[in-house]
N, C-alpha and C. Protein backbone atom coordinates (compact mmCIF):
# COMPACT_ATOMS: atom_id res chain seq x y z
N MET A 1 130.14 69.58 71.16
CA MET A 1 130.28 71.12 71.31
C MET A 1 128.79 71.95 70.78
N ARG A 2 128.33 70.95 70.33
CA ARG A 2 127.00 71.35 69.94
C ARG A 2 126.13 71.15 70.99
N PRO A 3 125.99 70.39 71.86
CA PRO A 3 125.05 70.21 72.88
C PRO A 3 125.38 71.23 73.77
N ILE A 4 126.46 71.46 74.23
CA ILE A 4 126.57 72.74 75.13
C ILE A 4 126.41 74.04 74.57
N LEU A 5 126.26 74.23 73.19
CA LEU A 5 126.40 75.64 72.64
C LEU A 5 124.33 75.43 72.44
N LEU A 6 123.81 74.36 72.66
CA LEU A 6 122.17 74.60 72.45
C LEU A 6 121.96 74.63 73.91
N ILE A 7 123.01 73.98 75.22
CA ILE A 7 122.38 74.61 76.42
C ILE A 7 122.40 75.76 76.72
N VAL A 8 123.57 76.38 76.42
CA VAL A 8 124.01 77.36 76.52
C VAL A 8 122.50 78.86 75.75
N ALA A 9 122.60 78.43 74.24
CA ALA A 9 121.62 78.91 73.73
C ALA A 9 120.06 79.12 74.61
N ALA A 10 119.83 77.98 75.23
CA ALA A 10 118.49 77.75 75.94
C ALA A 10 118.65 78.52 77.08
N VAL A 11 119.91 78.55 77.64
CA VAL A 11 119.70 79.87 79.08
C VAL A 11 119.57 80.74 78.81
N ALA A 12 119.96 81.32 77.78
CA ALA A 12 120.42 82.52 77.12
C ALA A 12 118.64 83.30 76.82
N ALA A 13 118.14 82.19 75.87
CA ALA A 13 116.48 82.57 75.63
C ALA A 13 115.77 82.42 77.00
N PHE A 14 115.67 81.45 77.95
CA PHE A 14 115.14 81.90 78.85
C PHE A 14 115.22 83.34 79.73
N PHE A 15 116.57 83.70 79.91
CA PHE A 15 116.76 85.32 80.47
C PHE A 15 116.24 86.25 79.55
N VAL A 16 116.35 85.72 78.21
CA VAL A 16 115.78 87.24 77.71
C VAL A 16 114.25 86.97 77.90
N TRP A 17 113.68 85.83 77.68
CA TRP A 17 111.88 85.64 77.61
C TRP A 17 111.75 86.36 79.13
N ASP A 18 112.49 85.91 80.13
CA ASP A 18 112.13 86.09 82.00
C ASP A 18 112.08 87.89 81.86
N ARG A 19 113.04 88.44 81.10
CA ARG A 19 112.93 89.93 81.57
C ARG A 19 112.24 90.66 80.58
N LEU A 20 111.73 90.34 79.39
CA LEU A 20 111.05 91.25 78.40
C LEU A 20 109.89 90.71 78.22
N ALA A 21 109.40 89.31 78.47
CA ALA A 21 107.54 88.95 78.52
C ALA A 21 107.31 88.77 79.70
N ASN A 22 108.27 88.45 80.51
CA ASN A 22 107.56 88.23 81.69
C ASN A 22 108.11 89.27 83.20
N ASP A 23 108.77 90.19 82.55
CA ASP A 23 108.85 90.96 83.67
C ASP A 23 109.65 90.87 84.79
N GLY A 24 110.66 89.44 84.64
CA GLY A 24 111.31 89.04 85.81
C GLY A 24 110.77 87.91 86.76
N ARG A 25 109.57 87.55 86.51
CA ARG A 25 108.91 87.54 87.90
C ARG A 25 109.46 86.10 88.11
N LEU A 26 110.03 85.09 87.02
CA LEU A 26 110.29 83.74 87.64
C LEU A 26 111.56 83.63 88.44
N LEU A 27 112.38 84.62 87.66
CA LEU A 27 114.01 84.68 88.57
C LEU A 27 113.36 85.61 89.56
N ALA A 28 112.80 86.43 90.13
CA ALA A 28 112.56 86.63 90.96
C ALA A 28 112.14 86.01 92.11
N GLY A 29 111.13 84.68 91.81
CA GLY A 29 110.71 84.14 92.52
C GLY A 29 111.76 82.71 93.06
N ILE A 30 112.60 82.80 92.00
CA ILE A 30 113.67 81.69 92.48
C ILE A 30 114.82 82.37 93.39
N GLU A 31 114.63 83.55 92.79
CA GLU A 31 115.72 84.11 93.88
C GLU A 31 115.55 84.27 95.43
N SER A 32 113.94 84.68 95.46
CA SER A 32 113.30 84.29 96.92
C SER A 32 113.11 83.41 97.60
N SER A 33 113.13 82.30 96.68
CA SER A 33 113.08 80.77 97.22
C SER A 33 114.60 80.51 97.39
N TRP A 34 115.63 80.61 96.84
CA TRP A 34 116.86 80.55 97.48
C TRP A 34 117.55 81.46 98.79
N THR A 35 116.84 82.87 98.59
CA THR A 35 117.08 83.69 100.15
C THR A 35 116.42 82.89 101.52
N GLN A 36 115.13 82.34 100.98
CA GLN A 36 114.46 81.71 102.29
C GLN A 36 115.38 80.42 102.49
N ALA A 37 115.77 79.57 101.62
CA ALA A 37 116.34 78.45 102.01
C ALA A 37 117.43 78.53 102.69
N THR A 38 118.27 79.68 102.19
CA THR A 38 119.80 79.83 102.64
C THR A 38 119.85 80.56 104.17
N ASP A 39 118.26 81.56 104.95
CA ASP A 39 118.37 81.71 105.64
C ASP A 39 117.75 80.78 106.77
N PHE A 40 116.73 79.95 106.15
CA PHE A 40 116.61 78.45 107.23
C PHE A 40 117.71 77.87 107.74
N ALA A 41 118.70 77.77 106.27
CA ALA A 41 119.96 76.49 106.71
C ALA A 41 120.64 77.28 107.76
N SER A 42 120.59 78.56 107.49
CA SER A 42 122.01 79.31 108.03
C SER A 42 121.41 79.83 110.08
N GLY A 43 120.08 79.33 110.21
CA GLY A 43 119.19 79.27 111.34
C GLY A 43 118.70 80.76 111.39
N ASN A 44 118.84 81.38 110.49
CA ASN A 44 118.17 82.81 110.30
C ASN A 44 116.35 82.53 110.40
N GLY A 45 116.16 81.48 109.78
CA GLY A 45 114.30 81.63 109.47
C GLY A 45 113.92 80.81 110.62
N ILE A 46 112.52 80.29 110.21
CA ILE A 46 111.88 79.98 111.27
C ILE A 46 112.40 78.96 112.08
N GLN A 47 112.32 78.82 113.44
CA GLN A 47 112.94 78.20 114.34
C GLN A 47 111.76 77.41 115.08
N ILE A 48 111.60 76.20 115.12
CA ILE A 48 110.44 75.53 115.70
C ILE A 48 111.46 74.92 116.73
N THR A 49 110.64 75.10 118.23
CA THR A 49 111.42 74.35 119.37
C THR A 49 110.25 73.65 120.08
N LEU A 50 111.03 72.73 121.07
CA LEU A 50 109.56 72.32 121.64
C LEU A 50 108.98 72.90 122.56
N HIS A 51 109.67 74.03 123.04
CA HIS A 51 108.92 74.78 123.95
C HIS A 51 107.85 75.67 123.41
N ASP A 52 107.77 75.76 121.97
CA ASP A 52 106.52 76.18 121.34
C ASP A 52 105.44 75.37 121.21
N PHE A 53 105.67 74.38 121.39
CA PHE A 53 104.48 73.61 121.33
C PHE A 53 103.78 73.11 122.72
N THR A 54 104.53 73.41 123.72
CA THR A 54 104.18 73.19 125.14
C THR A 54 103.66 74.16 125.85
N GLU A 55 103.74 75.55 125.37
CA GLU A 55 103.62 76.45 125.81
C GLU A 55 102.17 76.79 125.26
N ARG A 56 100.98 77.20 126.37
CA ARG A 56 99.57 77.67 125.98
C ARG A 56 99.09 78.87 126.77
């Protein structure tokens, strides 16, 4: 039970530090990366086709 509480406390400390001392920059970067990855995976991101390379 203590290791679980230690992990929960570490996560809570990270959120408090990120919001107060870091102005939420790290969490915003993670959210941005996640959004870009899901857009790419769903087909809404960058798409490269063979036609793009043959066009001059």
